[in-house]
Amino acid sequence: MLLSEGQMSDYKGAALMIDALPTAKALLADRGYDADWFRAALAERGIAACIPSKTNRKTPIPHDTGLYRQRHKIENMFGRLKDWRRVHTRYDRCAHTFMSAICIAATVIFWINQ
């Protein structure tokens, strides 16, 4: 798991996490991750990139729209985590304490929804 600074761009975060990616069939990501080097790194690992092209790309790269619609589940999970005020406003200065708060919130959310 990677906890980056709040103002870090998606490109820098992707570069830090590319070596830690598990084996998967596809990666769902938003337009912020649309970069040729990132798509090449995913293809090198045998992962299909389901990333819509940025609007300023000269030749758009097609993506699986049916698979991309499943991304709302990820967004819903982050929305539920942000219902917790401590996580949403990031009260904790220490990264370890912040990650612990996220784990507690995720555990309670999972327990309630069972």
PDB file of N, CA and C in Angstrom:
ATOM      1  N   MET A   1       0.846  -1.162   0.000  1.00  0.00           N
ATOM      2  CA  MET A   1       0.000   0.000   0.000  1.00  0.00           C
ATOM      3  C   MET A   1       0.898   1.234   0.000  1.00  0.00           C
ATOM      4  N   LEU A   2       0.478   2.228  -0.761  1.00  0.00           N
ATOM      5  CA  LEU A   2       1.287   3.438  -0.902  1.00  0.00           C
ATOM      6  C   LEU A   2       0.481   4.637  -0.433  1.00  0.00           C
ATOM      7  N   LEU A   3       1.054   5.403   0.466  1.00  0.00           N
ATOM      8  CA  LEU A   3       0.450   6.643   0.931  1.00  0.00           C
ATOM      9  C   LEU A   3       1.344   7.771   0.449  1.00  0.00           C
ATOM     10  N   SER A   4       0.832   8.551  -0.489  1.00  0.00           N
ATOM     11  CA  SER A   4       1.626   9.642  -1.055  1.00  0.00           C
ATOM     12  C   SER A   4       1.134  10.969  -0.497  1.00  0.00           C
ATOM     13  N   GLU A   5       1.895  11.998  -0.755  1.00  0.00           N
ATOM     14  CA  GLU A   5       1.487  13.327  -0.317  1.00  0.00           C
ATOM     15  C   GLU A   5       0.267  13.775  -1.110  1.00  0.00           C
ATOM     16  N   GLY A   6      -0.497  14.670  -0.556  1.00  0.00           N
ATOM     17  CA  GLY A   6      -1.761  15.067  -1.156  1.00  0.00           C
ATOM     18  C   GLY A   6      -1.625  15.776  -2.487  1.00  0.00           C
ATOM     19  N   GLN A   7      -0.539  16.508  -2.696  1.00  0.00           N
ATOM     20  CA  GLN A   7      -0.381  17.268  -3.926  1.00  0.00           C
ATOM     21  C   GLN A   7       0.412  16.520  -4.993  1.00  0.00           C
ATOM     22  N   MET A   8       0.718  15.259  -4.764  1.00  0.00           N
ATOM     23  CA  MET A   8       1.489  14.487  -5.732  1.00  0.00           C
ATOM     24  C   MET A   8       0.628  14.173  -6.952  1.00  0.00           C
ATOM     25  N   SER A   9       1.199  14.347  -8.136  1.00  0.00           N
ATOM     26  CA  SER A   9       0.447  14.067  -9.358  1.00  0.00           C
ATOM     27  C   SER A   9       0.274  12.558  -9.547  1.00  0.00           C
ATOM     28  N   ASP A  10      -0.669  12.198 -10.382  1.00  0.00           N
ATOM     29  CA  ASP A  10      -0.929  10.785 -10.643  1.00  0.00           C
ATOM     30  C   ASP A  10       0.267  10.112 -11.312  1.00  0.00           C
ATOM     31  N   TYR A  11       0.983  10.856 -12.138  1.00  0.00           N
ATOM     32  CA  TYR A  11       2.152  10.276 -12.810  1.00  0.00           C
ATOM     33  C   TYR A  11       3.207   9.840 -11.810  1.00  0.00           C
ATOM     34  N   LYS A  12       3.508  10.692 -10.849  1.00  0.00           N
ATOM     35  CA  LYS A  12       4.536  10.355  -9.855  1.00  0.00           C
ATOM     36  C   LYS A  12       4.087   9.195  -8.982  1.00  0.00           C
ATOM     37  N   GLY A  13       2.821   9.188  -8.599  1.00  0.00           N
ATOM     38  CA  GLY A  13       2.309   8.078  -7.797  1.00  0.00           C
ATOM     39  C   GLY A  13       2.344   6.762  -8.546  1.00  0.00           C
ATOM     40  N   ALA A  14       2.046   6.800  -9.834  1.00  0.00           N
ATOM     41  CA  ALA A  14       2.084   5.584 -10.653  1.00  0.00           C
ATOM     42  C   ALA A  14       3.505   5.068 -10.785  1.00  0.00           C
ATOM     43  N   ALA A  15       4.452   5.969 -10.921  1.00  0.00           N
ATOM     44  CA  ALA A  15       5.848   5.552 -11.041  1.00  0.00           C
ATOM     45  C   ALA A  15       6.335   4.875  -9.761  1.00  0.00           C
ATOM     46  N   LEU A  16       5.851   5.323  -8.617  1.00  0.00           N
ATOM     47  CA  LEU A  16       6.258   4.719  -7.348  1.00  0.00           C
ATOM     48  C   LEU A  16       5.628   3.352  -7.116  1.00  0.00           C
ATOM     49  N   MET A  17       4.423   3.141  -7.647  1.00  0.00           N
ATOM     50  CA  MET A  17       3.713   1.894  -7.349  1.00  0.00           C
ATOM     51  C   MET A  17       3.836   0.835  -8.431  1.00  0.00           C
ATOM     52  N   ILE A  18       4.452   1.132  -9.552  1.00  0.00           N
ATOM     53  CA  ILE A  18       4.464   0.195 -10.681  1.00  0.00           C
ATOM     54  C   ILE A  18       5.155  -1.127 -10.332  1.00  0.00           C
ATOM     55  N   ASP A  19       6.192  -1.086  -9.507  1.00  0.00           N
ATOM     56  CA  ASP A  19       6.895  -2.324  -9.155  1.00  0.00           C
ATOM     57  C   ASP A  19       6.123  -3.157  -8.139  1.00  0.00           C
ATOM     58  N   ALA A  20       5.213  -2.548  -7.405  1.00  0.00           N
ATOM     59  CA  ALA A  20       4.469  -3.250  -6.366  1.00  0.00           C
ATOM     60  C   ALA A  20       3.123  -3.777  -6.853  1.00  0.00           C
ATOM     61  N   LEU A  21       2.808  -3.608  -8.120  1.00  0.00           N
ATOM     62  CA  LEU A  21       1.511  -4.074  -8.623  1.00  0.00           C
ATOM     63  C   LEU A  21       1.440  -5.594  -8.598  1.00  0.00           C
ATOM     64  N   PRO A  22       0.338  -6.146  -8.107  1.00  0.00           N
ATOM     65  CA  PRO A  22       0.175  -7.602  -8.126  1.00  0.00           C
ATOM     66  C   PRO A  22      -0.201  -8.080  -9.532  1.00  0.00           C
ATOM     67  N   THR A  23      -0.166  -9.379  -9.724  1.00  0.00           N
ATOM     68  CA  THR A  23      -0.581  -9.912 -11.017  1.00  0.00           C
ATOM     69  C   THR A  23      -2.084  -9.719 -11.165  1.00  0.00           C
ATOM     70  N   ALA A  24      -2.492  -9.213 -12.299  1.00  0.00           N
ATOM     71  CA  ALA A  24      -3.905  -8.937 -12.558  1.00  0.00           C
ATOM     72  C   ALA A  24      -4.152  -9.017 -14.053  1.00  0.00           C
ATOM     73  N   LYS A  25      -5.410  -9.150 -14.427  1.00  0.00           N
ATOM     74  CA  LYS A  25      -5.780  -9.180 -15.844  1.00  0.00           C
ATOM     75  C   LYS A  25      -5.899  -7.768 -16.406  1.00  0.00           C
ATOM     76  N   ALA A  26      -6.451  -6.850 -15.596  1.00  0.00           N
ATOM     77  CA  ALA A  26      -6.676  -5.486 -16.077  1.00  0.00           C
ATOM     78  C   ALA A  26      -6.502  -4.499 -14.938  1.00  0.00           C
ATOM     79  N   LEU A  27      -6.207  -3.259 -15.298  1.00  0.00           N
ATOM     80  CA  LEU A  27      -6.097  -2.175 -14.332  1.00  0.00           C
ATOM     81  C   LEU A  27      -7.079  -1.092 -14.728  1.00  0.00           C
ATOM     82  N   LEU A  28      -7.997  -0.758 -13.831  1.00  0.00           N
ATOM     83  CA  LEU A  28      -8.958   0.315 -14.060  1.00  0.00           C
ATOM     84  C   LEU A  28      -8.392   1.593 -13.474  1.00  0.00           C
ATOM     85  N   ALA A  29      -8.317   2.645 -14.272  1.00  0.00           N
ATOM     86  CA  ALA A  29      -7.789   3.916 -13.793  1.00  0.00           C
ATOM     87  C   ALA A  29      -8.473   5.053 -14.533  1.00  0.00           C
ATOM     88  N   ASP A  30      -8.396   6.249 -13.962  1.00  0.00           N
ATOM     89  CA  ASP A  30      -9.017   7.401 -14.615  1.00  0.00           C
ATOM     90  C   ASP A  30      -8.028   8.056 -15.574  1.00  0.00           C
ATOM     91  N   ARG A  31      -8.447   9.139 -16.181  1.00  0.00           N
ATOM     92  CA  ARG A  31      -7.644   9.815 -17.212  1.00  0.00           C
ATOM     93  C   ARG A  31      -6.307  10.334 -16.702  1.00  0.00           C
ATOM     94  N   GLY A  32      -6.193  10.536 -15.414  1.00  0.00           N
ATOM     95  CA  GLY A  32      -4.942  11.037 -14.846  1.00  0.00           C
ATOM     96  C   GLY A  32      -3.771  10.087 -15.042  1.00  0.00           C
ATOM     97  N   TYR A  33      -4.060   8.823 -15.275  1.00  0.00           N
ATOM     98  CA  TYR A  33      -3.011   7.818 -15.474  1.00  0.00           C
ATOM     99  C   TYR A  33      -2.750   7.528 -16.947  1.00  0.00           C
ATOM    100  N   ASP A  34      -3.309   8.316 -17.836  1.00  0.00           N
ATOM    101  CA  ASP A  34      -3.117   8.103 -19.270  1.00  0.00           C
ATOM    102  C   ASP A  34      -1.754   8.628 -19.693  1.00  0.00           C
ATOM    103  N   ALA A  35      -0.786   7.744 -19.736  1.00  0.00           N
ATOM    104  CA  ALA A  35       0.562   8.072 -20.186  1.00  0.00           C
ATOM    105  C   ALA A  35       1.106   6.868 -20.949  1.00  0.00           C
ATOM    106  N   ASP A  36       1.852   7.136 -21.992  1.00  0.00           N
ATOM    107  CA  ASP A  36       2.385   6.045 -22.813  1.00  0.00           C
ATOM    108  C   ASP A  36       3.317   5.140 -22.016  1.00  0.00           C
ATOM    109  N   TRP A  37       4.162   5.736 -21.161  1.00  0.00           N
ATOM    110  CA  TRP A  37       5.111   4.920 -20.393  1.00  0.00           C
ATOM    111  C   TRP A  37       4.375   4.021 -19.390  1.00  0.00           C
ATOM    112  N   PHE A  38       3.262   4.506 -18.841  1.00  0.00           N
ATOM    113  CA  PHE A  38       2.504   3.705 -17.884  1.00  0.00           C
ATOM    114  C   PHE A  38       1.794   2.549 -18.589  1.00  0.00           C
ATOM    115  N   ARG A  39       1.233   2.826 -19.757  1.00  0.00           N
ATOM    116  CA  ARG A  39       0.594   1.760 -20.535  1.00  0.00           C
ATOM    117  C   ARG A  39       1.618   0.709 -20.966  1.00  0.00           C
ATOM    118  N   ALA A  40       2.814   1.161 -21.352  1.00  0.00           N
ATOM    119  CA  ALA A  40       3.863   0.220 -21.752  1.00  0.00           C
ATOM    120  C   ALA A  40       4.318  -0.632 -20.568  1.00  0.00           C
ATOM    121  N   ALA A  41       4.436  -0.025 -19.390  1.00  0.00           N
ATOM    122  CA  ALA A  41       4.846  -0.777 -18.201  1.00  0.00           C
ATOM    123  C   ALA A  41       3.791  -1.818 -17.820  1.00  0.00           C
ATOM    124  N   LEU A  42       2.518  -1.473 -17.982  1.00  0.00           N
ATOM    125  CA  LEU A  42       1.456  -2.443 -17.706  1.00  0.00           C
ATOM    126  C   LEU A  42       1.472  -3.579 -18.714  1.00  0.00           C
ATOM    127  N   ALA A  43       1.661  -3.248 -19.983  1.00  0.00           N
ATOM    128  CA  ALA A  43       1.712  -4.279 -21.025  1.00  0.00           C
ATOM    129  C   ALA A  43       2.910  -5.210 -20.813  1.00  0.00           C
ATOM    130  N   GLU A  44       3.998  -4.654 -20.325  1.00  0.00           N
ATOM    131  CA  GLU A  44       5.198  -5.445 -20.045  1.00  0.00           C
ATOM    132  C   GLU A  44       4.926  -6.481 -18.958  1.00  0.00           C
ATOM    133  N   ARG A  45       4.036  -6.170 -18.037  1.00  0.00           N
ATOM    134  CA  ARG A  45       3.668  -7.081 -16.952  1.00  0.00           C
ATOM    135  C   ARG A  45       2.464  -7.948 -17.305  1.00  0.00           C
ATOM    136  N   GLY A  46       1.918  -7.794 -18.509  1.00  0.00           N
ATOM    137  CA  GLY A  46       0.784  -8.591 -18.943  1.00  0.00           C
ATOM    138  C   GLY A  46      -0.544  -8.111 -18.392  1.00  0.00           C
ATOM    139  N   ILE A  47      -0.629  -6.836 -18.051  1.00  0.00           N
ATOM    140  CA  ILE A  47      -1.857  -6.253 -17.498  1.00  0.00           C
ATOM    141  C   ILE A  47      -2.492  -5.372 -18.562  1.00  0.00           C
ATOM    142  N   ALA A  48      -3.764  -5.603 -18.847  1.00  0.00           N
ATOM    143  CA  ALA A  48      -4.484  -4.786 -19.824  1.00  0.00           C
ATOM    144  C   ALA A  48      -4.877  -3.465 -19.162  1.00  0.00           C
ATOM    145  N   ALA A  49      -4.595  -2.360 -19.833  1.00  0.00           N
ATOM    146  CA  ALA A  49      -4.912  -1.042 -19.294  1.00  0.00           C
ATOM    147  C   ALA A  49      -6.308  -0.622 -19.732  1.00  0.00           C
ATOM    148  N   CYS A  50      -7.193  -0.396 -18.778  1.00  0.00           N
ATOM    149  CA  CYS A  50      -8.532   0.116 -19.060  1.00  0.00           C
ATOM    150  C   CYS A  50      -8.560   1.563 -18.577  1.00  0.00           C
ATOM    151  N   ILE A  51      -7.931   2.423 -19.378  1.00  0.00           N
ATOM    152  CA  ILE A  51      -7.765   3.830 -19.034  1.00  0.00           C
ATOM    153  C   ILE A  51      -8.285   4.664 -20.204  1.00  0.00           C
ATOM    154  N   PRO A  52      -9.270   5.520 -19.976  1.00  0.00           N
ATOM    155  CA  PRO A  52      -9.720   6.385 -21.077  1.00  0.00           C
ATOM    156  C   PRO A  52      -8.643   7.399 -21.440  1.00  0.00           C
ATOM    157  N   SER A  53      -8.603   7.769 -22.690  1.00  0.00           N
ATOM    158  CA  SER A  53      -7.601   8.721 -23.163  1.00  0.00           C
ATOM    159  C   SER A  53      -7.919  10.130 -22.677  1.00  0.00           C
ATOM    160  N   LYS A  54      -6.861  10.896 -22.472  1.00  0.00           N
ATOM    161  CA  LYS A  54      -7.062  12.303 -22.132  1.00  0.00           C
ATOM    162  C   LYS A  54      -7.660  13.020 -23.339  1.00  0.00           C
ATOM    163  N   THR A  55      -8.312  14.121 -23.086  1.00  0.00           N
ATOM    164  CA  THR A  55      -8.971  14.842 -24.173  1.00  0.00           C
ATOM    165  C   THR A  55      -7.971  15.495 -25.119  1.00  0.00           C
ATOM    166  N   ASN A  56      -6.747  15.756 -24.657  1.00  0.00           N
ATOM    167  CA  ASN A  56      -5.765  16.407 -25.517  1.00  0.00           C
ATOM    168  C   ASN A  56      -4.900  15.412 -26.300  1.00  0.00           C
ATOM    169  N   ARG A  57      -5.174  14.125 -26.206  1.00  0.00           N
ATOM    170  CA  ARG A  57      -4.421  13.122 -26.969  1.00  0.00           C
ATOM    171  C   ARG A  57      -4.854  13.189 -28.430  1.00  0.00           C
ATOM    172  N   LYS A  58      -3.877  13.220 -29.350  1.00  0.00           N
ATOM    173  CA  LYS A  58      -4.195  13.381 -30.774  1.00  0.00           C
ATOM    174  C   LYS A  58      -4.964  12.189 -31.329  1.00  0.00           C
ATOM    175  N   THR A  59      -4.512  10.987 -31.004  1.00  0.00           N
ATOM    176  CA  THR A  59      -5.232   9.788 -31.438  1.00  0.00           C
ATOM    177  C   THR A  59      -5.693   9.038 -30.188  1.00  0.00           C
ATOM    178  N   PRO A  60      -6.985   9.079 -29.903  1.00  0.00           N
ATOM    179  CA  PRO A  60      -7.493   8.415 -28.691  1.00  0.00           C
ATOM    180  C   PRO A  60      -7.244   6.915 -28.722  1.00  0.00           C
ATOM    181  N   ILE A  61      -6.933   6.362 -27.576  1.00  0.00           N
ATOM    182  CA  ILE A  61      -6.723   4.932 -27.431  1.00  0.00           C
ATOM    183  C   ILE A  61      -8.026   4.324 -26.911  1.00  0.00           C
ATOM    184  N   PRO A  62      -8.581   3.345 -27.597  1.00  0.00           N
ATOM    185  CA  PRO A  62      -9.853   2.768 -27.144  1.00  0.00           C
ATOM    186  C   PRO A  62      -9.689   1.989 -25.833  1.00  0.00           C
ATOM    187  N   HIS A  63     -10.752   1.942 -25.051  1.00  0.00           N
ATOM    188  CA  HIS A  63     -10.759   1.178 -23.806  1.00  0.00           C
ATOM    189  C   HIS A  63     -12.096   0.453 -23.681  1.00  0.00           C
ATOM    190  N   ASP A  64     -12.140  -0.526 -22.835  1.00  0.00           N
ATOM    191  CA  ASP A  64     -13.350  -1.324 -22.625  1.00  0.00           C
ATOM    192  C   ASP A  64     -14.311  -0.539 -21.736  1.00  0.00           C
ATOM    193  N   THR A  65     -15.352   0.034 -22.327  1.00  0.00           N
ATOM    194  CA  THR A  65     -16.282   0.869 -21.568  1.00  0.00           C
ATOM    195  C   THR A  65     -17.110   0.050 -20.576  1.00  0.00           C
ATOM    196  N   GLY A  66     -17.414  -1.182 -20.916  1.00  0.00           N
ATOM    197  CA  GLY A  66     -18.163  -2.037 -19.991  1.00  0.00           C
ATOM    198  C   GLY A  66     -17.375  -2.330 -18.729  1.00  0.00           C
ATOM    199  N   LEU A  67     -16.101  -2.603 -18.886  1.00  0.00           N
ATOM    200  CA  LEU A  67     -15.237  -2.847 -17.733  1.00  0.00           C
ATOM    201  C   LEU A  67     -15.003  -1.557 -16.953  1.00  0.00           C
ATOM    202  N   TYR A  68     -14.876  -0.444 -17.656  1.00  0.00           N
ATOM    203  CA  TYR A  68     -14.614   0.833 -16.996  1.00  0.00           C
ATOM    204  C   TYR A  68     -15.788   1.268 -16.116  1.00  0.00           C
ATOM    205  N   ARG A  69     -16.996   0.835 -16.458  1.00  0.00           N
ATOM    206  CA  ARG A  69     -18.166   1.174 -15.648  1.00  0.00           C
ATOM    207  C   ARG A  69     -18.100   0.555 -14.256  1.00  0.00           C
ATOM    208  N   GLN A  70     -17.310  -0.481 -14.093  1.00  0.00           N
ATOM    209  CA  GLN A  70     -17.154  -1.117 -12.788  1.00  0.00           C
ATOM    210  C   GLN A  70     -16.313  -0.276 -11.829  1.00  0.00           C
ATOM    211  N   ARG A  71     -15.683   0.782 -12.340  1.00  0.00           N
ATOM    212  CA  ARG A  71     -14.836   1.633 -11.519  1.00  0.00           C
ATOM    213  C   ARG A  71     -15.627   2.370 -10.448  1.00  0.00           C
ATOM    214  N   HIS A  72     -16.936   2.479 -10.608  1.00  0.00           N
ATOM    215  CA  HIS A  72     -17.750   3.167  -9.605  1.00  0.00           C
ATOM    216  C   HIS A  72     -17.671   2.476  -8.245  1.00  0.00           C
ATOM    217  N   LYS A  73     -17.393   1.190  -8.231  1.00  0.00           N
ATOM    218  CA  LYS A  73     -17.266   0.476  -6.957  1.00  0.00           C
ATOM    219  C   LYS A  73     -16.063   0.991  -6.168  1.00  0.00           C
ATOM    220  N   ILE A  74     -15.000   1.288  -6.875  1.00  0.00           N
ATOM    221  CA  ILE A  74     -13.809   1.847  -6.227  1.00  0.00           C
ATOM    222  C   ILE A  74     -14.109   3.246  -5.700  1.00  0.00           C
ATOM    223  N   GLU A  75     -14.779   4.053  -6.505  1.00  0.00           N
ATOM    224  CA  GLU A  75     -15.128   5.418  -6.091  1.00  0.00           C
ATOM    225  C   GLU A  75     -16.083   5.392  -4.898  1.00  0.00           C
ATOM    226  N   ASN A  76     -17.018   4.447  -4.876  1.00  0.00           N
ATOM    227  CA  ASN A  76     -17.924   4.323  -3.742  1.00  0.00           C
ATOM    228  C   ASN A  76     -17.170   3.977  -2.458  1.00  0.00           C
ATOM    229  N   MET A  77     -16.157   3.124  -2.571  1.00  0.00           N
ATOM    230  CA  MET A  77     -15.365   2.759  -1.402  1.00  0.00           C
ATOM    231  C   MET A  77     -14.648   3.978  -0.830  1.00  0.00           C
ATOM    232  N   PHE A  78     -14.048   4.800  -1.692  1.00  0.00           N
ATOM    233  CA  PHE A  78     -13.383   6.008  -1.207  1.00  0.00           C
ATOM    234  C   PHE A  78     -14.395   6.985  -0.623  1.00  0.00           C
ATOM    235  N   GLY A  79     -15.572   7.052  -1.192  1.00  0.00           N
ATOM    236  CA  GLY A  79     -16.618   7.914  -0.651  1.00  0.00           C
ATOM    237  C   GLY A  79     -17.040   7.496   0.745  1.00  0.00           C
ATOM    238  N   ARG A  80     -17.138   6.190   0.971  1.00  0.00           N
ATOM    239  CA  ARG A  80     -17.498   5.699   2.306  1.00  0.00           C
ATOM    240  C   ARG A  80     -16.388   5.969   3.310  1.00  0.00           C
ATOM    241  N   LEU A  81     -15.144   5.836   2.876  1.00  0.00           N
ATOM    242  CA  LEU A  81     -14.034   6.149   3.783  1.00  0.00           C
ATOM    243  C   LEU A  81     -14.034   7.634   4.147  1.00  0.00           C
ATOM    244  N   LYS A  82     -14.391   8.472   3.193  1.00  0.00           N
ATOM    245  CA  LYS A  82     -14.388   9.911   3.463  1.00  0.00           C
ATOM    246  C   LYS A  82     -15.577  10.356   4.301  1.00  0.00           C
ATOM    247  N   ASP A  83     -16.531   9.461   4.563  1.00  0.00           N
ATOM    248  CA  ASP A  83     -17.586   9.774   5.519  1.00  0.00           C
ATOM    249  C   ASP A  83     -17.019   9.896   6.931  1.00  0.00           C
ATOM    250  N   TRP A  84     -15.876   9.281   7.139  1.00  0.00           N
ATOM    251  CA  TRP A  84     -15.202   9.372   8.431  1.00  0.00           C
ATOM    252  C   TRP A  84     -14.411  10.679   8.463  1.00  0.00           C
ATOM    253  N   ARG A  85     -14.790  11.561   9.361  1.00  0.00           N
ATOM    254  CA  ARG A  85     -14.198  12.898   9.418  1.00  0.00           C
ATOM    255  C   ARG A  85     -12.683  12.840   9.613  1.00  0.00           C
ATOM    256  N   ARG A  86     -12.218  11.941  10.436  1.00  0.00           N
ATOM    257  CA  ARG A  86     -10.788  11.837  10.713  1.00  0.00           C
ATOM    258  C   ARG A  86     -10.007  11.494   9.439  1.00  0.00           C
ATOM    259  N   VAL A  87     -10.576  10.644   8.598  1.00  0.00           N
ATOM    260  CA  VAL A  87      -9.917  10.258   7.351  1.00  0.00           C
ATOM    261  C   VAL A  87     -10.054  11.375   6.323  1.00  0.00           C
ATOM    262  N   HIS A  88     -11.239  11.965   6.230  1.00  0.00           N
ATOM    263  CA  HIS A  88     -11.504  12.989   5.221  1.00  0.00           C
ATOM    264  C   HIS A  88     -10.618  14.217   5.389  1.00  0.00           C
ATOM    265  N   THR A  89     -10.447  14.672   6.616  1.00  0.00           N
ATOM    266  CA  THR A  89      -9.653  15.884   6.847  1.00  0.00           C
ATOM    267  C   THR A  89      -8.207  15.586   7.181  1.00  0.00           C
ATOM    268  N   ARG A  90      -7.851  14.340   7.311  1.00  0.00           N
ATOM    269  CA  ARG A  90      -6.506  13.876   7.658  1.00  0.00           C
ATOM    270  C   ARG A  90      -5.954  14.608   8.876  1.00  0.00           C
ATOM    271  N   TYR A  91      -6.588  14.310  10.001  1.00  0.00           N
ATOM    272  CA  TYR A  91      -6.144  14.902  11.264  1.00  0.00           C
ATOM    273  C   TYR A  91      -4.743  14.447  11.650  1.00  0.00           C
ATOM    274  N   ASP A  92      -4.413  13.227  11.332  1.00  0.00           N
ATOM    275  CA  ASP A  92      -3.148  12.646  11.775  1.00  0.00           C
ATOM    276  C   ASP A  92      -1.991  13.117  10.902  1.00  0.00           C
ATOM    277  N   ARG A  93      -0.953  13.589  11.536  1.00  0.00           N
ATOM    278  CA  ARG A  93       0.231  14.039  10.791  1.00  0.00           C
ATOM    279  C   ARG A  93       1.129  12.866  10.426  1.00  0.00           C
ATOM    280  N   CYS A  94       1.169  11.875  11.269  1.00  0.00           N
ATOM    281  CA  CYS A  94       2.021  10.712  11.030  1.00  0.00           C
ATOM    282  C   CYS A  94       1.334   9.772  10.034  1.00  0.00           C
ATOM    283  N   ALA A  95       2.065   9.352   9.023  1.00  0.00           N
ATOM    284  CA  ALA A  95       1.506   8.480   7.986  1.00  0.00           C
ATOM    285  C   ALA A  95       1.055   7.146   8.568  1.00  0.00           C
ATOM    286  N   HIS A  96       1.797   6.637   9.542  1.00  0.00           N
ATOM    287  CA  HIS A  96       1.447   5.357  10.149  1.00  0.00           C
ATOM    288  C   HIS A  96       0.113   5.451  10.885  1.00  0.00           C
ATOM    289  N   THR A  97      -0.098   6.527  11.607  1.00  0.00           N
ATOM    290  CA  THR A  97      -1.347   6.725  12.335  1.00  0.00           C
ATOM    291  C   THR A  97      -2.509   6.923  11.369  1.00  0.00           C
ATOM    292  N   PHE A  98      -2.269   7.641  10.280  1.00  0.00           N
ATOM    293  CA  PHE A  98      -3.305   7.858   9.277  1.00  0.00           C
ATOM    294  C   PHE A  98      -3.720   6.551   8.626  1.00  0.00           C
ATOM    295  N   MET A  99      -2.756   5.714   8.266  1.00  0.00           N
ATOM    296  CA  MET A  99      -3.072   4.417   7.671  1.00  0.00           C
ATOM    297  C   MET A  99      -3.820   3.529   8.663  1.00  0.00           C
ATOM    298  N   SER A 100      -3.486   3.640   9.945  1.00  0.00           N
ATOM    299  CA  SER A 100      -4.200   2.881  10.967  1.00  0.00           C
ATOM    300  C   SER A 100      -5.659   3.321  11.049  1.00  0.00           C
ATOM    301  N   ALA A 101      -5.903   4.637  10.957  1.00  0.00           N
ATOM    302  CA  ALA A 101      -7.279   5.150  10.972  1.00  0.00           C
ATOM    303  C   ALA A 101      -8.049   4.648   9.756  1.00  0.00           C
ATOM    304  N   ILE A 102      -7.406   4.592   8.606  1.00  0.00           N
ATOM    305  CA  ILE A 102      -8.051   4.070   7.398  1.00  0.00           C
ATOM    306  C   ILE A 102      -8.409   2.594   7.578  1.00  0.00           C
ATOM    307  N   CYS A 103      -7.506   1.813   8.160  1.00  0.00           N
ATOM    308  CA  CYS A 103      -7.765   0.388   8.379  1.00  0.00           C
ATOM    309  C   CYS A 103      -8.921   0.167   9.347  1.00  0.00           C
ATOM    310  N   ILE A 104      -8.976   0.979  10.403  1.00  0.00           N
ATOM    311  CA  ILE A 104     -10.086   0.859  11.351  1.00  0.00           C
ATOM    312  C   ILE A 104     -11.400   1.216  10.669  1.00  0.00           C
ATOM    313  N   ALA A 105     -11.409   2.306   9.898  1.00  0.00           N
ATOM    314  CA  ALA A 105     -12.623   2.716   9.204  1.00  0.00           C
ATOM    315  C   ALA A 105     -13.064   1.643   8.210  1.00  0.00           C
ATOM    316  N   ALA A 106     -12.129   1.082   7.458  1.00  0.00           N
ATOM    317  CA  ALA A 106     -12.471   0.043   6.480  1.00  0.00           C
ATOM    318  C   ALA A 106     -13.023  -1.202   7.163  1.00  0.00           C
ATOM    319  N   THR A 107     -12.470  -1.552   8.307  1.00  0.00           N
ATOM    320  CA  THR A 107     -12.952  -2.717   9.047  1.00  0.00           C
ATOM    321  C   THR A 107     -14.379  -2.506   9.534  1.00  0.00           C
ATOM    322  N   VAL A 108     -14.662  -1.330  10.089  1.00  0.00           N
ATOM    323  CA  VAL A 108     -16.008  -1.049  10.585  1.00  0.00           C
ATOM    324  C   VAL A 108     -17.010  -0.996   9.432  1.00  0.00           C
ATOM    325  N   ILE A 109     -16.622  -0.378   8.312  1.00  0.00           N
ATOM    326  CA  ILE A 109     -17.507  -0.309   7.146  1.00  0.00           C
ATOM    327  C   ILE A 109     -17.822  -1.719   6.634  1.00  0.00           C
ATOM    328  N   PHE A 110     -16.806  -2.571   6.583  1.00  0.00           N
ATOM    329  CA  PHE A 110     -17.011  -3.951   6.139  1.00  0.00           C
ATOM    330  C   PHE A 110     -17.924  -4.693   7.115  1.00  0.00           C
ATOM    331  N   TRP A 111     -17.722  -4.500   8.399  1.00  0.00           N
ATOM    332  CA  TRP A 111     -18.501  -5.187   9.427  1.00  0.00           C
ATOM    333  C   TRP A 111     -19.960  -4.754   9.383  1.00  0.00           C
ATOM    334  N   ILE A 112     -20.208  -3.456   9.187  1.00  0.00           N
ATOM    335  CA  ILE A 112     -21.579  -2.950   9.140  1.00  0.00           C
ATOM    336  C   ILE A 112     -22.321  -3.453   7.898  1.00  0.00           C
ATOM    337  N   ASN A 113     -21.624  -3.563   6.773  1.00  0.00           N
ATOM    338  CA  ASN A 113     -22.278  -3.937   5.521  1.00  0.00           C
ATOM    339  C   ASN A 113     -22.443  -5.428   5.321  1.00  0.00           C
ATOM    340  N   GLN A 114     -22.103  -6.219   6.303  1.00  0.00           N
ATOM    341  CA  GLN A 114     -22.256  -7.669   6.140  1.00  0.00           C
ATOM    342  C   GLN A 114     -23.630  -8.124   6.421  1.00  0.00           C
TER     343      GLN A 114
END
